[in-house]
Amino acid sequence: MENMIRTQIYLDPALHNRMKKEARAASVSMAEYIRQQLDATSAQEISDRELDKQYQEFEDVLKSLQFTGGPDDLVSNFNEYLVQALETPSS
């Protein structure tokens, strides 16, 4: 447990029991289980932020393109048009 900072938290009894049960099922201490869950949640949030950033960059590129024809709301409703295009049988 090198380089760790001790932190104290309060859990309601139901959450405490669930964490204890899940930690036991994972064969780790409750503290380790909570650390793993926090780490996974934090990593997912970072991944989600990166995905949002990439989507925004993609949207900016689409906005910068000069389209002729097509719907005026292509950029703002791109996902809907994409789904429609994928669901429409090709001739």
N, C-alpha and C. Protein backbone atom coordinates (compact mmCIF):
# COMPACT_ATOMS: atom_id res chain seq x y z
N MET A 1 0.83 -1.19 0.00
CA MET A 1 0.00 0.00 0.00
C MET A 1 0.87 1.24 0.00
N GLU A 2 1.92 1.21 -0.76
CA GLU A 2 2.78 2.37 -0.88
C GLU A 2 2.07 3.46 -1.68
N ASN A 3 2.41 4.69 -1.38
CA ASN A 3 1.90 5.85 -2.12
C ASN A 3 0.38 5.94 -2.13
N MET A 4 -0.26 5.57 -1.04
CA MET A 4 -1.71 5.70 -0.94
C MET A 4 -2.02 6.66 0.19
N ILE A 5 -3.12 7.36 0.01
CA ILE A 5 -3.59 8.29 1.03
C ILE A 5 -4.84 7.68 1.65
N ARG A 6 -4.84 7.62 2.97
CA ARG A 6 -5.99 7.05 3.66
C ARG A 6 -7.14 8.04 3.61
N THR A 7 -8.33 7.53 3.25
CA THR A 7 -9.52 8.34 3.14
C THR A 7 -10.67 7.61 3.84
N GLN A 8 -11.49 8.38 4.50
CA GLN A 8 -12.62 7.79 5.20
C GLN A 8 -13.91 8.26 4.54
N ILE A 9 -14.83 7.33 4.30
CA ILE A 9 -16.11 7.68 3.70
C ILE A 9 -17.23 7.04 4.51
N TYR A 10 -18.42 7.59 4.34
CA TYR A 10 -19.60 7.03 5.00
C TYR A 10 -20.49 6.41 3.94
N LEU A 11 -20.93 5.18 4.18
CA LEU A 11 -21.81 4.47 3.27
C LEU A 11 -23.09 4.11 4.01
N ASP A 12 -24.21 4.17 3.29
CA ASP A 12 -25.43 3.70 3.95
C ASP A 12 -25.34 2.18 4.06
N PRO A 13 -26.06 1.59 5.00
CA PRO A 13 -25.93 0.15 5.26
C PRO A 13 -26.16 -0.73 4.03
N ALA A 14 -27.11 -0.39 3.18
CA ALA A 14 -27.39 -1.22 2.00
C ALA A 14 -26.19 -1.20 1.05
N LEU A 15 -25.63 -0.03 0.81
CA LEU A 15 -24.47 0.08 -0.08
C LEU A 15 -23.27 -0.63 0.53
N HIS A 16 -23.07 -0.47 1.83
CA HIS A 16 -21.96 -1.14 2.51
C HIS A 16 -22.06 -2.65 2.35
N ASN A 17 -23.25 -3.17 2.56
CA ASN A 17 -23.44 -4.63 2.43
C ASN A 17 -23.22 -5.09 1.00
N ARG A 18 -23.68 -4.30 0.03
CA ARG A 18 -23.48 -4.67 -1.37
C ARG A 18 -22.00 -4.65 -1.74
N MET A 19 -21.28 -3.62 -1.31
CA MET A 19 -19.84 -3.53 -1.60
C MET A 19 -19.10 -4.70 -0.95
N LYS A 20 -19.47 -5.01 0.27
CA LYS A 20 -18.83 -6.11 1.00
C LYS A 20 -19.06 -7.44 0.28
N LYS A 21 -20.30 -7.66 -0.17
CA LYS A 21 -20.65 -8.90 -0.87
C LYS A 21 -19.92 -8.99 -2.22
N GLU A 22 -19.88 -7.88 -2.96
CA GLU A 22 -19.23 -7.88 -4.26
C GLU A 22 -17.71 -8.04 -4.12
N ALA A 23 -17.15 -7.44 -3.09
CA ALA A 23 -15.71 -7.58 -2.84
C ALA A 23 -15.38 -9.03 -2.51
N ARG A 24 -16.19 -9.63 -1.69
CA ARG A 24 -15.98 -11.04 -1.33
C ARG A 24 -16.06 -11.92 -2.57
N ALA A 25 -17.03 -11.64 -3.44
CA ALA A 25 -17.18 -12.43 -4.68
C ALA A 25 -15.97 -12.25 -5.60
N ALA A 26 -15.36 -11.07 -5.55
CA ALA A 26 -14.18 -10.80 -6.38
C ALA A 26 -12.88 -11.22 -5.69
N SER A 27 -13.00 -11.75 -4.47
CA SER A 27 -11.84 -12.21 -3.68
C SER A 27 -10.83 -11.10 -3.42
N VAL A 28 -11.35 -9.89 -3.13
CA VAL A 28 -10.48 -8.77 -2.76
C VAL A 28 -11.08 -8.10 -1.53
N SER A 29 -10.27 -7.27 -0.90
CA SER A 29 -10.79 -6.52 0.24
C SER A 29 -11.81 -5.50 -0.25
N MET A 30 -12.66 -5.05 0.66
CA MET A 30 -13.65 -4.05 0.29
C MET A 30 -12.95 -2.76 -0.17
N ALA A 31 -11.87 -2.39 0.49
CA ALA A 31 -11.12 -1.19 0.10
C ALA A 31 -10.59 -1.34 -1.33
N GLU A 32 -10.04 -2.50 -1.65
CA GLU A 32 -9.51 -2.73 -3.00
C GLU A 32 -10.64 -2.71 -4.02
N TYR A 33 -11.76 -3.31 -3.66
CA TYR A 33 -12.91 -3.32 -4.58
C TYR A 33 -13.38 -1.91 -4.87
N ILE A 34 -13.49 -1.09 -3.84
CA ILE A 34 -13.92 0.31 -4.02
C ILE A 34 -12.91 1.06 -4.87
N ARG A 35 -11.61 0.85 -4.63
CA ARG A 35 -10.58 1.50 -5.46
C ARG A 35 -10.73 1.10 -6.92
N GLN A 36 -10.96 -0.19 -7.17
CA GLN A 36 -11.13 -0.67 -8.55
C GLN A 36 -12.34 -0.02 -9.21
N GLN A 37 -13.43 0.07 -8.47
CA GLN A 37 -14.65 0.68 -9.02
C GLN A 37 -14.45 2.16 -9.31
N LEU A 38 -13.78 2.87 -8.41
CA LEU A 38 -13.50 4.28 -8.63
C LEU A 38 -12.58 4.48 -9.84
N ASP A 39 -11.58 3.62 -9.93
CA ASP A 39 -10.64 3.71 -11.05
C ASP A 39 -11.35 3.46 -12.38
N ALA A 40 -12.21 2.44 -12.42
CA ALA A 40 -12.94 2.12 -13.65
C ALA A 40 -13.90 3.25 -14.02
N THR A 41 -14.57 3.82 -13.05
CA THR A 41 -15.49 4.92 -13.30
C THR A 41 -14.75 6.14 -13.82
N SER A 42 -13.63 6.44 -13.20
CA SER A 42 -12.82 7.59 -13.63
C SER A 42 -12.30 7.40 -15.04
N ALA A 43 -11.83 6.20 -15.34
CA ALA A 43 -11.32 5.90 -16.69
C ALA A 43 -12.43 6.03 -17.72
N GLN A 44 -13.64 5.57 -17.38
CA GLN A 44 -14.77 5.66 -18.31
C GLN A 44 -15.14 7.12 -18.57
N GLU A 45 -15.11 7.94 -17.52
CA GLU A 45 -15.44 9.36 -17.69
C GLU A 45 -14.42 10.04 -18.59
N ILE A 46 -13.15 9.69 -18.43
CA ILE A 46 -12.11 10.25 -19.29
C ILE A 46 -12.35 9.80 -20.73
N SER A 47 -12.67 8.53 -20.92
CA SER A 47 -12.93 7.99 -22.24
C SER A 47 -14.14 8.70 -22.87
N ASP A 48 -15.19 8.92 -22.08
CA ASP A 48 -16.38 9.61 -22.58
C ASP A 48 -16.05 11.04 -22.99
N ARG A 49 -15.23 11.72 -22.20
CA ARG A 49 -14.84 13.10 -22.54
C ARG A 49 -14.03 13.13 -23.83
N GLU A 50 -13.13 12.15 -23.99
CA GLU A 50 -12.34 12.07 -25.22
C GLU A 50 -13.24 11.82 -26.42
N LEU A 51 -14.22 10.94 -26.26
CA LEU A 51 -15.15 10.64 -27.34
C LEU A 51 -15.96 11.88 -27.69
N ASP A 52 -16.42 12.61 -26.68
CA ASP A 52 -17.16 13.85 -26.91
C ASP A 52 -16.29 14.85 -27.67
N LYS A 53 -15.02 14.94 -27.29
CA LYS A 53 -14.09 15.86 -27.96
C LYS A 53 -13.92 15.46 -29.43
N GLN A 54 -13.73 14.17 -29.68
CA GLN A 54 -13.56 13.70 -31.05
C GLN A 54 -14.82 13.95 -31.87
N TYR A 55 -15.98 13.72 -31.26
CA TYR A 55 -17.24 13.96 -31.97
C TYR A 55 -17.37 15.43 -32.31
N GLN A 56 -17.01 16.31 -31.37
CA GLN A 56 -17.09 17.75 -31.61
C GLN A 56 -16.15 18.16 -32.75
N GLU A 57 -14.95 17.59 -32.76
CA GLU A 57 -14.01 17.88 -33.84
C GLU A 57 -14.57 17.41 -35.19
N PHE A 58 -15.18 16.24 -35.21
CA PHE A 58 -15.78 15.71 -36.43
C PHE A 58 -16.93 16.62 -36.88
N GLU A 59 -17.75 17.04 -35.93
CA GLU A 59 -18.86 17.93 -36.25
C GLU A 59 -18.35 19.26 -36.80
N ASP A 60 -17.26 19.78 -36.24
CA ASP A 60 -16.67 21.03 -36.73
C ASP A 60 -16.18 20.88 -38.17
N VAL A 61 -15.58 19.72 -38.47
CA VAL A 61 -15.13 19.46 -39.84
C VAL A 61 -16.32 19.44 -40.79
N LEU A 62 -17.39 18.74 -40.39
CA LEU A 62 -18.58 18.69 -41.24
C LEU A 62 -19.15 20.09 -41.48
N LYS A 63 -19.18 20.90 -40.43
CA LYS A 63 -19.70 22.26 -40.57
C LYS A 63 -18.85 23.09 -41.51
N SER A 64 -17.56 22.83 -41.54
CA SER A 64 -16.67 23.63 -42.38
C SER A 64 -16.76 23.25 -43.86
N LEU A 65 -17.29 22.07 -44.15
CA LEU A 65 -17.42 21.65 -45.55
C LEU A 65 -18.56 22.41 -46.23
N GLN A 66 -18.39 22.68 -47.48
CA GLN A 66 -19.43 23.37 -48.24
C GLN A 66 -20.24 22.32 -49.00
N PHE A 67 -21.42 22.03 -48.51
CA PHE A 67 -22.28 21.06 -49.17
C PHE A 67 -23.18 21.78 -50.17
N THR A 68 -23.43 21.14 -51.26
CA THR A 68 -24.44 21.64 -52.19
C THR A 68 -25.54 20.60 -52.23
N GLY A 69 -26.74 21.05 -51.99
CA GLY A 69 -27.86 20.12 -51.93
C GLY A 69 -27.90 19.43 -50.58
N GLY A 70 -28.87 18.60 -50.38
CA GLY A 70 -29.01 17.89 -49.13
C GLY A 70 -29.70 18.74 -48.08
N PRO A 71 -30.03 18.14 -46.97
CA PRO A 71 -30.78 18.86 -45.93
C PRO A 71 -29.92 19.94 -45.26
N ASP A 72 -30.56 21.03 -44.86
CA ASP A 72 -29.86 22.12 -44.18
C ASP A 72 -29.41 21.73 -42.77
N ASP A 73 -30.08 20.75 -42.19
CA ASP A 73 -29.76 20.36 -40.81
C ASP A 73 -28.92 19.09 -40.74
N LEU A 74 -28.13 18.83 -41.78
CA LEU A 74 -27.34 17.61 -41.84
C LEU A 74 -26.41 17.46 -40.63
N VAL A 75 -25.72 18.52 -40.27
CA VAL A 75 -24.75 18.43 -39.18
C VAL A 75 -25.46 18.17 -37.86
N SER A 76 -26.51 18.92 -37.57
CA SER A 76 -27.17 18.77 -36.27
C SER A 76 -27.95 17.47 -36.16
N ASN A 77 -28.37 16.89 -37.28
CA ASN A 77 -29.13 15.63 -37.25
C ASN A 77 -28.40 14.52 -37.99
N PHE A 78 -27.07 14.59 -37.96
CA PHE A 78 -26.25 13.63 -38.70
C PHE A 78 -26.58 12.19 -38.33
N ASN A 79 -26.69 11.91 -37.03
CA ASN A 79 -26.95 10.53 -36.59
C ASN A 79 -28.26 10.00 -37.15
N GLU A 80 -29.31 10.83 -37.16
CA GLU A 80 -30.60 10.39 -37.69
C GLU A 80 -30.49 10.07 -39.19
N TYR A 81 -29.81 10.95 -39.93
CA TYR A 81 -29.65 10.70 -41.37
C TYR A 81 -28.80 9.46 -41.63
N LEU A 82 -27.79 9.25 -40.78
CA LEU A 82 -26.94 8.07 -40.94
C LEU A 82 -27.75 6.80 -40.72
N VAL A 83 -28.56 6.78 -39.68
CA VAL A 83 -29.40 5.61 -39.40
C VAL A 83 -30.36 5.37 -40.55
N GLN A 84 -30.98 6.44 -41.05
CA GLN A 84 -31.90 6.30 -42.20
C GLN A 84 -31.18 5.72 -43.40
N ALA A 85 -29.98 6.21 -43.66
CA ALA A 85 -29.22 5.74 -44.81
C ALA A 85 -28.86 4.25 -44.65
N LEU A 86 -28.50 3.85 -43.44
CA LEU A 86 -28.12 2.47 -43.22
C LEU A 86 -29.32 1.53 -43.26
N GLU A 87 -30.49 2.05 -42.88
CA GLU A 87 -31.70 1.21 -42.86
C GLU A 87 -32.37 1.13 -44.23
N THR A 88 -32.08 2.07 -45.13
CA THR A 88 -32.68 2.09 -46.46
C THR A 88 -32.00 1.07 -47.34
N PRO A 89 -32.75 0.13 -47.88
CA PRO A 89 -32.13 -0.87 -48.76
C PRO A 89 -31.54 -0.21 -49.99
N SER A 90 -30.36 -0.68 -50.38
CA SER A 90 -29.73 -0.13 -51.59
C SER A 90 -30.30 -0.81 -52.82
N SER A 91 -30.35 -0.07 -53.91
CA SER A 91 -30.94 -0.61 -55.15
C SER A 91 -29.92 -1.34 -55.97
